[in-house]
Amino acid sequence: ALARTGFAPQVDRSAGAVRADGSTVDIDSE
């Protein structure tokens, strides 16, 4: 199972927009 385990980035659906332009990235948190 470990040998088959892969990792891929997934969109964080729990993150809400933190900027007026709709971006969900908080620079300090990141």
Full PDB file with SEQRES, HELIX, SHEET, SSBOND, CRYST1, ORIGX, SCALE, CONECT and MASTER records, all heavy atoms in Angstrom:
SEQRES   1 A   30  ALA LEU ALA ARG THR GLY PHE ALA PRO GLN VAL ASP ARG          
SEQRES   2 A   30  SER ALA GLY ALA VAL ARG ALA ASP GLY SER THR VAL ASP          
SEQRES   3 A   30  ILE ASP SER GLU                                              
CRYST1    1.000    1.000    1.000  90.00  90.00  90.00 P 1           1          
ORIGX1      1.000000  0.000000  0.000000        0.00000                         
ORIGX2      0.000000  1.000000  0.000000        0.00000                         
ORIGX3      0.000000  0.000000  1.000000        0.00000                         
SCALE1      1.000000  0.000000  0.000000        0.00000                         
SCALE2      0.000000  1.000000  0.000000        0.00000                         
SCALE3      0.000000  0.000000  1.000000        0.00000                         
ATOM      1  N   ALA A   1       0.833  -1.204   0.000  1.00  0.00           N  
ATOM      2  CA  ALA A   1       0.000   0.000   0.000  1.00  0.00           C  
ATOM      3  C   ALA A   1       0.868   1.255   0.000  1.00  0.00           C  
ATOM      4  O   ALA A   1       0.560   2.234  -0.687  1.00  0.00           O  
ATOM      5  CB  ALA A   1      -0.938  -0.005   1.205  1.00  0.00           C  
ATOM      6  N   LEU A   2       1.966   1.229   0.751  1.00  0.00           N  
ATOM      7  CA  LEU A   2       2.870   2.374   0.765  1.00  0.00           C  
ATOM      8  C   LEU A   2       3.498   2.592  -0.606  1.00  0.00           C  
ATOM      9  O   LEU A   2       3.617   3.727  -1.066  1.00  0.00           O  
ATOM     10  CB  LEU A   2       3.969   2.179   1.816  1.00  0.00           C  
ATOM     11  CG  LEU A   2       3.547   2.384   3.262  1.00  0.00           C  
ATOM     12  CD1 LEU A   2       4.615   1.867   4.207  1.00  0.00           C  
ATOM     13  CD2 LEU A   2       3.258   3.851   3.536  1.00  0.00           C  
ATOM     14  N   ALA A   3       3.887   1.498  -1.245  1.00  0.00           N  
ATOM     15  CA  ALA A   3       4.514   1.609  -2.565  1.00  0.00           C  
ATOM     16  C   ALA A   3       3.550   2.197  -3.596  1.00  0.00           C  
ATOM     17  O   ALA A   3       3.977   2.886  -4.523  1.00  0.00           O  
ATOM     18  CB  ALA A   3       5.011   0.240  -3.023  1.00  0.00           C  
ATOM     19  N   ARG A   4       2.264   1.949  -3.430  1.00  0.00           N  
ATOM     20  CA  ARG A   4       1.266   2.447  -4.376  1.00  0.00           C  
ATOM     21  C   ARG A   4       0.735   3.828  -4.021  1.00  0.00           C  
ATOM     22  O   ARG A   4       0.003   4.433  -4.798  1.00  0.00           O  
ATOM     23  CB  ARG A   4       0.084   1.470  -4.445  1.00  0.00           C  
ATOM     24  CG  ARG A   4       0.413   0.130  -5.060  1.00  0.00           C  
ATOM     25  CD  ARG A   4      -0.833  -0.725  -5.209  1.00  0.00           C  
ATOM     26  NE  ARG A   4      -1.525  -0.976  -3.962  1.00  0.00           N  
ATOM     27  CZ  ARG A   4      -1.267  -1.981  -3.122  1.00  0.00           C  
ATOM     28  NH1 ARG A   4      -0.302  -2.833  -3.391  1.00  0.00           N  
ATOM     29  NH2 ARG A   4      -1.964  -2.139  -2.018  1.00  0.00           N  
ATOM     30  N   THR A   5       1.075   4.328  -2.841  1.00  0.00           N  
ATOM     31  CA  THR A   5       0.547   5.606  -2.380  1.00  0.00           C  
ATOM     32  C   THR A   5       1.135   6.757  -3.184  1.00  0.00           C  
ATOM     33  O   THR A   5       2.342   6.901  -3.288  1.00  0.00           O  
ATOM     34  CB  THR A   5       0.854   5.814  -0.879  1.00  0.00           C  
ATOM     35  OG1 THR A   5       0.273   4.757  -0.138  1.00  0.00           O  
ATOM     36  CG2 THR A   5       0.294   7.136  -0.384  1.00  0.00           C  
ATOM     37  N   GLY A   6       0.244   7.541  -3.756  1.00  0.00           N  
ATOM     38  CA  GLY A   6       0.662   8.711  -4.510  1.00  0.00           C  
ATOM     39  C   GLY A   6       0.089   9.970  -3.876  1.00  0.00           C  
ATOM     40  O   GLY A   6      -0.864   9.908  -3.105  1.00  0.00           O  
ATOM     41  N   PHE A   7       0.674  11.071  -4.206  1.00  0.00           N  
ATOM     42  CA  PHE A   7       0.243  12.343  -3.631  1.00  0.00           C  
ATOM     43  C   PHE A   7       0.013  13.340  -4.754  1.00  0.00           C  
ATOM     44  O   PHE A   7       0.858  13.509  -5.622  1.00  0.00           O  
ATOM     45  CB  PHE A   7       1.306  12.885  -2.678  1.00  0.00           C  
ATOM     46  CG  PHE A   7       1.763  11.871  -1.660  1.00  0.00           C  
ATOM     47  CD1 PHE A   7       2.992  11.265  -1.783  1.00  0.00           C  
ATOM     48  CD2 PHE A   7       0.944  11.517  -0.613  1.00  0.00           C  
ATOM     49  CE1 PHE A   7       3.411  10.334  -0.857  1.00  0.00           C  
ATOM     50  CE2 PHE A   7       1.355  10.577   0.307  1.00  0.00           C  
ATOM     51  CZ  PHE A   7       2.594   9.981   0.185  1.00  0.00           C  
ATOM     52  N   ALA A   8      -1.126  13.975  -4.717  1.00  0.00           N  
ATOM     53  CA  ALA A   8      -1.440  14.993  -5.715  1.00  0.00           C  
ATOM     54  C   ALA A   8      -2.133  16.162  -5.024  1.00  0.00           C  
ATOM     55  O   ALA A   8      -2.946  15.960  -4.125  1.00  0.00           O  
ATOM     56  CB  ALA A   8      -2.353  14.412  -6.791  1.00  0.00           C  
ATOM     57  N   PRO A   9      -1.795  17.370  -5.435  1.00  0.00           N  
ATOM     58  CA  PRO A   9      -2.476  18.538  -4.864  1.00  0.00           C  
ATOM     59  C   PRO A   9      -3.969  18.507  -5.172  1.00  0.00           C  
ATOM     60  O   PRO A   9      -4.373  18.129  -6.270  1.00  0.00           O  
ATOM     61  CB  PRO A   9      -1.801  19.716  -5.559  1.00  0.00           C  
ATOM     62  CG  PRO A   9      -0.514  19.185  -6.084  1.00  0.00           C  
ATOM     63  CD  PRO A   9      -0.760  17.745  -6.397  1.00  0.00           C  
ATOM     64  N   GLN A  10      -4.750  18.866  -4.186  1.00  0.00           N  
ATOM     65  CA  GLN A  10      -6.201  18.939  -4.323  1.00  0.00           C  
ATOM     66  C   GLN A  10      -6.648  20.349  -3.949  1.00  0.00           C  
ATOM     67  O   GLN A  10      -6.095  20.957  -3.034  1.00  0.00           O  
ATOM     68  CB  GLN A  10      -6.893  17.940  -3.386  1.00  0.00           C  
ATOM     69  CG  GLN A  10      -6.478  16.493  -3.585  1.00  0.00           C  
ATOM     70  CD  GLN A  10      -6.977  15.943  -4.906  1.00  0.00           C  
ATOM     71  OE1 GLN A  10      -8.090  16.231  -5.317  1.00  0.00           O  
ATOM     72  NE2 GLN A  10      -6.135  15.170  -5.578  1.00  0.00           N  
ATOM     73  N   VAL A  11      -7.661  20.837  -4.635  1.00  0.00           N  
ATOM     74  CA  VAL A  11      -8.218  22.149  -4.296  1.00  0.00           C  
ATOM     75  C   VAL A  11      -8.806  22.070  -2.895  1.00  0.00           C  
ATOM     76  O   VAL A  11      -9.518  21.126  -2.550  1.00  0.00           O  
ATOM     77  CB  VAL A  11      -9.299  22.568  -5.314  1.00  0.00           C  
ATOM     78  CG1 VAL A  11     -10.016  23.834  -4.864  1.00  0.00           C  
ATOM     79  CG2 VAL A  11      -8.679  22.765  -6.682  1.00  0.00           C  
ATOM     80  N   ASP A  12      -8.479  23.054  -2.075  1.00  0.00           N  
ATOM     81  CA  ASP A  12      -8.989  23.124  -0.702  1.00  0.00           C  
ATOM     82  C   ASP A  12     -10.375  23.766  -0.747  1.00  0.00           C  
ATOM     83  O   ASP A  12     -10.511  24.976  -0.840  1.00  0.00           O  
ATOM     84  CB  ASP A  12      -8.036  23.945   0.156  1.00  0.00           C  
ATOM     85  CG  ASP A  12      -8.487  24.049   1.601  1.00  0.00           C  
ATOM     86  OD1 ASP A  12      -9.524  23.457   1.961  1.00  0.00           O  
ATOM     87  OD2 ASP A  12      -7.786  24.728   2.380  1.00  0.00           O  
ATOM     88  N   ARG A  13     -11.387  22.926  -0.694  1.00  0.00           N  
ATOM     89  CA  ARG A  13     -12.764  23.416  -0.809  1.00  0.00           C  
ATOM     90  C   ARG A  13     -13.238  24.115   0.470  1.00  0.00           C  
ATOM     91  O   ARG A  13     -14.239  24.820   0.456  1.00  0.00           O  
ATOM     92  CB  ARG A  13     -13.697  22.255  -1.145  1.00  0.00           C  
ATOM     93  CG  ARG A  13     -13.253  21.541  -2.412  1.00  0.00           C  
ATOM     94  CD  ARG A  13     -14.416  21.185  -3.298  1.00  0.00           C  
ATOM     95  NE  ARG A  13     -13.998  20.437  -4.463  1.00  0.00           N  
ATOM     96  CZ  ARG A  13     -13.595  20.982  -5.600  1.00  0.00           C  
ATOM     97  NH1 ARG A  13     -13.548  22.279  -5.710  1.00  0.00           N  
ATOM     98  NH2 ARG A  13     -13.234  20.240  -6.626  1.00  0.00           N  
ATOM     99  N   SER A  14     -12.513  23.928   1.566  1.00  0.00           N  
ATOM    100  CA  SER A  14     -12.908  24.563   2.820  1.00  0.00           C  
ATOM    101  C   SER A  14     -12.449  26.014   2.896  1.00  0.00           C  
ATOM    102  O   SER A  14     -12.914  26.768   3.748  1.00  0.00           O  
ATOM    103  CB  SER A  14     -12.355  23.786   4.016  1.00  0.00           C  
ATOM    104  OG  SER A  14     -10.937  23.880   4.053  1.00  0.00           O  
ATOM    105  N   ALA A  15     -11.534  26.399   2.016  1.00  0.00           N  
ATOM    106  CA  ALA A  15     -11.007  27.764   2.048  1.00  0.00           C  
ATOM    107  C   ALA A  15     -11.974  28.712   1.355  1.00  0.00           C  
ATOM    108  O   ALA A  15     -12.329  28.515   0.202  1.00  0.00           O  
ATOM    109  CB  ALA A  15      -9.642  27.815   1.368  1.00  0.00           C  
ATOM    110  N   GLY A  16     -12.381  29.723   2.074  1.00  0.00           N  
ATOM    111  CA  GLY A  16     -13.243  30.742   1.491  1.00  0.00           C  
ATOM    112  C   GLY A  16     -12.411  31.881   0.934  1.00  0.00           C  
ATOM    113  O   GLY A  16     -11.225  32.006   1.235  1.00  0.00           O  
ATOM    114  N   ALA A  17     -13.021  32.702   0.122  1.00  0.00           N  
ATOM    115  CA  ALA A  17     -12.312  33.838  -0.470  1.00  0.00           C  
ATOM    116  C   ALA A  17     -11.829  34.767   0.640  1.00  0.00           C  
ATOM    117  O   ALA A  17     -12.562  35.108   1.555  1.00  0.00           O  
ATOM    118  CB  ALA A  17     -13.217  34.589  -1.434  1.00  0.00           C  
ATOM    119  N   VAL A  18     -10.544  35.131   0.561  1.00  0.00           N  
ATOM    120  CA  VAL A  18      -9.981  36.054   1.543  1.00  0.00           C  
ATOM    121  C   VAL A  18      -9.680  37.406   0.905  1.00  0.00           C  
ATOM    122  O   VAL A  18      -9.239  38.313   1.579  1.00  0.00           O  
ATOM    123  CB  VAL A  18      -8.697  35.481   2.193  1.00  0.00           C  
ATOM    124  CG1 VAL A  18      -9.015  34.254   3.016  1.00  0.00           C  
ATOM    125  CG2 VAL A  18      -7.637  35.171   1.158  1.00  0.00           C  
ATOM    126  N   ARG A  19      -9.918  37.485  -0.392  1.00  0.00           N  
ATOM    127  CA  ARG A  19      -9.674  38.732  -1.110  1.00  0.00           C  
ATOM    128  C   ARG A  19     -10.883  39.069  -1.966  1.00  0.00           C  
ATOM    129  O   ARG A  19     -11.653  38.188  -2.345  1.00  0.00           O  
ATOM    130  CB  ARG A  19      -8.435  38.604  -1.990  1.00  0.00           C  
ATOM    131  CG  ARG A  19      -7.165  38.406  -1.186  1.00  0.00           C  
ATOM    132  CD  ARG A  19      -5.987  38.105  -2.056  1.00  0.00           C  
ATOM    133  NE  ARG A  19      -6.114  38.646  -3.403  1.00  0.00           N  
ATOM    134  CZ  ARG A  19      -5.123  39.174  -4.091  1.00  0.00           C  
ATOM    135  NH1 ARG A  19      -3.938  39.236  -3.569  1.00  0.00           N  
ATOM    136  NH2 ARG A  19      -5.319  39.613  -5.318  1.00  0.00           N  
ATOM    137  N   ALA A  20     -11.007  40.319  -2.294  1.00  0.00           N  
ATOM    138  CA  ALA A  20     -12.147  40.777  -3.096  1.00  0.00           C  
ATOM    139  C   ALA A  20     -12.161  40.160  -4.488  1.00  0.00           C  
ATOM    140  O   ALA A  20     -13.223  40.001  -5.086  1.00  0.00           O  
ATOM    141  CB  ALA A  20     -12.127  42.296  -3.202  1.00  0.00           C  
ATOM    142  N   ASP A  21     -10.990  39.763  -5.006  1.00  0.00           N  
ATOM    143  CA  ASP A  21     -10.933  39.187  -6.360  1.00  0.00           C  
ATOM    144  C   ASP A  21     -11.243  37.691  -6.382  1.00  0.00           C  
ATOM    145  O   ASP A  21     -11.140  37.033  -7.413  1.00  0.00           O  
ATOM    146  CB  ASP A  21      -9.581  39.465  -7.015  1.00  0.00           C  
ATOM    147  CG  ASP A  21      -8.421  38.771  -6.316  1.00  0.00           C  
ATOM    148  OD1 ASP A  21      -8.644  37.978  -5.373  1.00  0.00           O  
ATOM    149  OD2 ASP A  21      -7.269  39.022  -6.711  1.00  0.00           O  
ATOM    150  N   GLY A  22     -11.629  37.119  -5.231  1.00  0.00           N  
ATOM    151  CA  GLY A  22     -12.025  35.715  -5.159  1.00  0.00           C  
ATOM    152  C   GLY A  22     -10.909  34.751  -4.843  1.00  0.00           C  
ATOM    153  O   GLY A  22     -11.137  33.542  -4.724  1.00  0.00           O  
ATOM    154  N   SER A  23      -9.688  35.218  -4.686  1.00  0.00           N  
ATOM    155  CA  SER A  23      -8.565  34.345  -4.341  1.00  0.00           C  
ATOM    156  C   SER A  23      -8.757  33.790  -2.929  1.00  0.00           C  
ATOM    157  O   SER A  23      -9.230  34.490  -2.032  1.00  0.00           O  
ATOM    158  CB  SER A  23      -7.245  35.117  -4.407  1.00  0.00           C  
ATOM    159  OG  SER A  23      -6.186  34.308  -3.960  1.00  0.00           O  
ATOM    160  N   THR A  24      -8.398  32.531  -2.749  1.00  0.00           N  
ATOM    161  CA  THR A  24      -8.539  31.902  -1.423  1.00  0.00           C  
ATOM    162  C   THR A  24      -7.194  31.764  -0.718  1.00  0.00           C  
ATOM    163  O   THR A  24      -7.071  31.019   0.250  1.00  0.00           O  
ATOM    164  CB  THR A  24      -9.199  30.513  -1.546  1.00  0.00           C  
ATOM    165  OG1 THR A  24      -8.380  29.672  -2.344  1.00  0.00           O  
ATOM    166  CG2 THR A  24     -10.593  30.614  -2.119  1.00  0.00           C  
ATOM    167  N   VAL A  25      -6.175  32.465  -1.188  1.00  0.00           N  
ATOM    168  CA  VAL A  25      -4.840  32.376  -0.607  1.00  0.00           C  
ATOM    169  C   VAL A  25      -4.626  33.486   0.412  1.00  0.00           C  
ATOM    170  O   VAL A  25      -4.710  34.669   0.075  1.00  0.00           O  
ATOM    171  CB  VAL A  25      -3.745  32.444  -1.699  1.00  0.00           C  
ATOM    172  CG1 VAL A  25      -2.362  32.413  -1.070  1.00  0.00           C  
ATOM    173  CG2 VAL A  25      -3.913  31.316  -2.698  1.00  0.00           C  
ATOM    174  N   ASP A  26      -4.334  33.095   1.644  1.00  0.00           N  
ATOM    175  CA  ASP A  26      -3.934  34.025   2.693  1.00  0.00           C  
ATOM    176  C   ASP A  26      -2.417  33.903   2.807  1.00  0.00           C  
ATOM    177  O   ASP A  26      -1.897  32.871   3.233  1.00  0.00           O  
ATOM    178  CB  ASP A  26      -4.611  33.654   4.010  1.00  0.00           C  
ATOM    179  CG  ASP A  26      -4.189  34.530   5.171  1.00  0.00           C  
ATOM    180  OD1 ASP A  26      -3.288  35.368   5.015  1.00  0.00           O  
ATOM    181  OD2 ASP A  26      -4.755  34.340   6.270  1.00  0.00           O  
ATOM    182  N   ILE A  27      -1.706  34.931   2.406  1.00  0.00           N  
ATOM    183  CA  ILE A  27      -0.245  34.872   2.317  1.00  0.00           C  
ATOM    184  C   ILE A  27       0.390  34.515   3.657  1.00  0.00           C  
ATOM    185  O   ILE A  27       1.318  33.701   3.712  1.00  0.00           O  
ATOM    186  CB  ILE A  27       0.322  36.199   1.768  1.00  0.00           C  
ATOM    187  CG1 ILE A  27      -0.102  36.370   0.310  1.00  0.00           C  
ATOM    188  CG2 ILE A  27       1.841  36.247   1.884  1.00  0.00           C  
ATOM    189  CD1 ILE A  27       0.289  37.672  -0.318  1.00  0.00           C  
ATOM    190  N   ASP A  28      -0.085  35.084   4.746  1.00  0.00           N  
ATOM    191  CA  ASP A  28       0.496  34.796   6.055  1.00  0.00           C  
ATOM    192  C   ASP A  28       0.292  33.336   6.439  1.00  0.00           C  
ATOM    193  O   ASP A  28       1.215  32.669   6.913  1.00  0.00           O  
ATOM    194  CB  ASP A  28      -0.105  35.703   7.136  1.00  0.00           C  
ATOM    195  CG  ASP A  28       0.285  37.159   6.953  1.00  0.00           C  
ATOM    196  OD1 ASP A  28       1.367  37.421   6.368  1.00  0.00           O  
ATOM    197  OD2 ASP A  28      -0.489  38.040   7.374  1.00  0.00           O  
ATOM    198  N   SER A  29      -0.904  32.828   6.213  1.00  0.00           N  
ATOM    199  CA  SER A  29      -1.209  31.441   6.529  1.00  0.00           C  
ATOM    200  C   SER A  29      -0.386  30.481   5.669  1.00  0.00           C  
ATOM    201  O   SER A  29       0.158  29.487   6.160  1.00  0.00           O  
ATOM    202  CB  SER A  29      -2.707  31.184   6.334  1.00  0.00           C  
ATOM    203  OG  SER A  29      -3.014  29.830   6.544  1.00  0.00           O  
ATOM    204  N   GLU A  30      -0.289  30.782   4.379  1.00  0.00           N  
ATOM    205  CA  GLU A  30       0.494  29.926   3.470  1.00  0.00           C  
ATOM    206  C   GLU A  30       1.964  29.932   3.858  1.00  0.00           C  
ATOM    207  O   GLU A  30       2.623  28.892   3.821  1.00  0.00           O  
ATOM    208  CB  GLU A  30       0.344  30.382   2.021  1.00  0.00           C  
ATOM    209  CG  GLU A  30      -1.018  30.174   1.435  1.00  0.00           C  
ATOM    210  CD  GLU A  30      -1.496  28.735   1.417  1.00  0.00           C  
ATOM    211  OE1 GLU A  30      -0.713  27.832   1.063  1.00  0.00           O  
ATOM    212  OE2 GLU A  30      -2.661  28.521   1.766  1.00  0.00           O  
TER     213      GLU A  30                                                      
MASTER        0    0    0    0    0    0    0    6  212    1    0    3          
END                                                                             
